[in-house]
Amino acid sequence: MLSNVLHAFRTEFGTSTLIPPHNFIDEVVVARYTAEGFHLSRALMNHEVAAHGLDPTSPDHRAEAKRRRPRYPAGPAMVLYQTASVAARDMSRTNPRDLASSVMSVAGPAGMGVITFHWWDFLHDSGEINEAFTTFAAQFLDACQQLGSDEFTTITNLASNLQDDR
């Protein structure tokens, strides 16, 4: 079923990216879909952090692992690690500038960053726009740009551009 959906989305919308729920995906599934040219965007798994000799329970070590290897080619596709997921819950924990600083401390040295937003955070349960989160997200992206991010694009376009640079 997943294969049918991915192929239908590629045909219908021109997208070729798989972002697994909760960022877990079996390595056999990764191999299958990257071999078919589908890019993958996901979190760095604990064993991948440990492979760098780093502690996967440490946020600083996880960030360092992303700096060292923010992506890798997988056949005709790319696997891109998510630098950060920005959610409505972040508004109560931090401000846009500090969050951007944290993200750019990884993305800058890595030469790229992948930021994930969940579409549902932009809406209230009523279906109305969540203006507070929309403003937070805009201020966050603006702060990233002020801190050196010179381009924003989709994961599919980023992966394709990185493939061209191989």
Protein backbone atom coordinates (compact mmCIF):
# COMPACT_ATOMS: atom_id res chain seq x y z
CA MET A 1 0.00 0.00 0.00
CA LEU A 2 2.79 2.46 0.91
CA SER A 3 4.43 1.84 -2.44
CA ASN A 4 1.18 2.62 -4.27
CA VAL A 5 0.73 5.86 -2.32
CA LEU A 6 4.32 6.99 -2.90
CA HIS A 7 4.13 6.29 -6.61
CA ALA A 8 0.73 7.99 -6.89
CA PHE A 9 2.03 11.10 -5.09
CA ARG A 10 5.09 11.20 -7.35
CA THR A 11 2.87 10.98 -10.43
CA GLU A 12 0.22 13.40 -9.19
CA PHE A 13 2.27 15.99 -7.32
CA GLY A 14 5.88 15.46 -8.43
CA THR A 15 7.03 14.71 -4.90
CA SER A 16 9.41 11.90 -4.12
CA THR A 17 9.94 12.19 -0.39
CA LEU A 18 9.01 9.86 2.44
CA ILE A 19 8.88 11.27 5.98
CA PRO A 20 8.00 8.34 8.23
CA PRO A 21 5.64 8.80 11.19
CA HIS A 22 7.58 9.43 14.38
CA ASN A 23 10.74 9.17 12.27
CA PHE A 24 11.18 5.42 12.64
CA ILE A 25 11.58 3.33 9.53
CA ASP A 26 12.96 -0.16 9.13
CA GLU A 27 16.26 -0.33 7.22
CA VAL A 28 14.79 -2.85 4.74
CA VAL A 29 12.06 -0.33 3.90
CA VAL A 30 14.71 2.42 3.56
CA ALA A 31 16.67 0.30 1.10
CA ARG A 32 13.58 -0.54 -0.95
CA TYR A 33 12.24 2.98 -1.35
CA THR A 34 15.54 4.77 -1.79
CA ALA A 35 16.36 2.20 -4.51
CA GLU A 36 13.14 3.34 -6.19
CA GLY A 37 14.32 6.96 -6.03
CA PHE A 38 12.31 8.15 -3.03
CA HIS A 39 14.21 10.51 -0.75
CA LEU A 40 13.88 9.96 2.97
CA SER A 41 13.80 12.61 5.68
CA ARG A 42 13.92 11.38 9.25
CA ALA A 43 15.44 11.77 12.68
CA LEU A 44 18.85 10.42 13.45
CA MET A 45 18.48 7.04 15.16
CA ASN A 46 20.28 6.27 18.42
CA HIS A 47 22.54 3.65 16.83
CA GLU A 48 23.64 6.20 14.20
CA VAL A 49 24.65 8.66 16.93
CA ALA A 50 26.50 5.89 18.78
CA ALA A 51 28.34 4.94 15.56
CA HIS A 52 30.09 8.33 15.83
CA GLY A 53 31.25 7.40 19.34
CA LEU A 54 28.69 9.81 20.81
CA ASP A 55 26.04 9.42 23.49
CA PRO A 56 22.58 9.22 21.89
CA THR A 57 20.93 10.43 25.10
CA SER A 58 22.78 13.75 24.98
CA PRO A 59 21.16 16.54 22.92
CA ASP A 60 24.61 18.06 22.33
CA HIS A 61 25.95 14.73 21.04
CA ARG A 62 22.92 14.26 18.78
CA ALA A 63 23.53 17.74 17.35
CA GLU A 64 27.20 16.89 16.79
CA ALA A 65 26.26 13.71 14.93
CA LYS A 66 24.01 15.78 12.63
CA ARG A 67 26.86 18.21 11.98
CA ARG A 68 29.19 15.37 11.07
CA ARG A 69 26.77 13.59 8.73
CA PRO A 70 23.62 15.56 7.91
CA ARG A 71 22.78 13.32 4.95
CA TYR A 72 23.97 10.42 2.86
CA PRO A 73 23.32 9.12 -0.65
CA ALA A 74 21.30 5.93 -0.91
CA GLY A 75 21.33 4.69 -4.48
CA PRO A 76 19.44 7.18 -6.65
CA ALA A 77 18.04 8.97 -3.59
CA MET A 78 19.20 10.87 -0.51
CA VAL A 79 18.57 10.30 3.18
CA LEU A 80 18.37 13.64 5.00
CA TYR A 81 18.42 13.85 8.77
CA GLN A 82 16.00 16.32 10.31
CA THR A 83 17.84 19.11 12.07
CA ALA A 84 14.75 20.06 14.07
CA SER A 85 11.03 19.67 14.27
CA VAL A 86 9.27 22.91 15.15
CA ALA A 87 5.90 22.50 16.81
CA ALA A 88 3.29 24.66 18.50
CA ARG A 89 4.42 23.28 21.87
CA ASP A 90 7.79 25.03 21.32
CA MET A 91 6.13 28.42 21.78
CA SER A 92 5.90 27.86 25.54
CA ARG A 93 9.49 26.58 25.82
CA THR A 94 11.53 29.06 23.82
CA ASN A 95 11.41 32.09 21.58
CA PRO A 96 11.90 32.08 17.80
CA ARG A 97 15.38 33.65 17.94
CA ASP A 98 16.78 31.16 20.47
CA LEU A 99 15.28 28.24 18.58
CA ALA A 100 16.78 29.54 15.33
CA SER A 101 20.16 29.93 17.01
CA SER A 102 20.03 26.32 18.17
CA VAL A 103 19.03 25.06 14.70
CA MET A 104 21.64 27.17 12.92
CA SER A 105 24.37 25.93 15.29
CA VAL A 106 23.83 22.55 13.61
CA ALA A 107 22.76 23.61 10.10
CA GLY A 108 25.52 26.18 9.58
CA PRO A 109 28.49 23.85 10.13
CA ALA A 110 26.69 20.98 8.40
CA GLY A 111 26.07 23.13 5.34
CA MET A 112 22.36 22.35 5.35
CA GLY A 113 19.44 21.86 7.66
CA VAL A 114 16.06 20.18 7.48
CA ILE A 115 13.29 21.74 9.53
CA THR A 116 9.99 19.93 9.88
CA PHE A 117 6.69 21.65 10.63
CA HIS A 118 3.52 19.67 11.22
CA TRP A 119 0.65 21.10 9.19
CA TRP A 120 -1.81 20.59 12.04
CA ASP A 121 0.06 23.05 14.26
CA PHE A 122 -0.96 25.82 11.89
CA LEU A 123 -4.65 25.14 12.61
CA HIS A 124 -6.80 25.14 15.72
CA ASP A 125 -9.16 22.23 16.30
CA SER A 126 -11.90 24.44 14.83
CA GLY A 127 -10.02 24.61 11.53
CA GLU A 128 -9.15 28.28 11.97
CA ILE A 129 -5.60 29.47 11.42
CA ASN A 130 -3.42 29.36 14.52
CA GLU A 131 -2.12 32.91 14.18
CA ALA A 132 0.16 32.59 17.19
CA PHE A 133 2.01 29.58 15.76
CA THR A 134 2.02 31.01 12.24
CA THR A 135 3.68 34.16 13.61
CA PHE A 136 6.12 32.08 15.69
CA ALA A 137 7.09 30.00 12.64
CA ALA A 138 7.55 33.12 10.48
CA GLN A 139 9.71 34.77 13.15
CA PHE A 140 11.73 31.56 13.50
CA LEU A 141 12.41 31.36 9.74
CA ASP A 142 13.27 35.06 9.67
CA ALA A 143 15.74 34.54 12.51
CA CYS A 144 17.30 31.57 10.67
CA GLN A 145 17.76 33.81 7.65
CA GLN A 146 19.34 36.55 9.77
CA LEU A 147 21.71 33.93 11.19
CA GLY A 148 22.92 32.86 7.77
CA SER A 149 20.35 30.67 6.08
CA ASP A 150 20.31 31.86 2.49
CA GLU A 151 17.75 29.49 0.98
CA PHE A 152 14.56 27.69 1.95
CA THR A 153 13.16 24.89 -0.18
CA THR A 154 11.25 21.63 0.00
CA ILE A 155 12.93 18.41 1.08
CA THR A 156 12.46 17.00 -2.41
CA ASN A 157 14.22 19.97 -4.02
CA LEU A 158 17.03 19.91 -1.44
CA ALA A 159 17.61 16.20 -2.02
CA SER A 160 17.59 16.67 -5.79
CA ASN A 161 20.05 19.57 -5.57
CA LEU A 162 22.35 17.53 -3.32
CA GLN A 163 22.18 14.65 -5.80
CA ASP A 164 23.26 17.00 -8.57
CA ASP A 165 26.27 18.00 -6.46
CA ARG A 166 27.45 14.41 -5.96
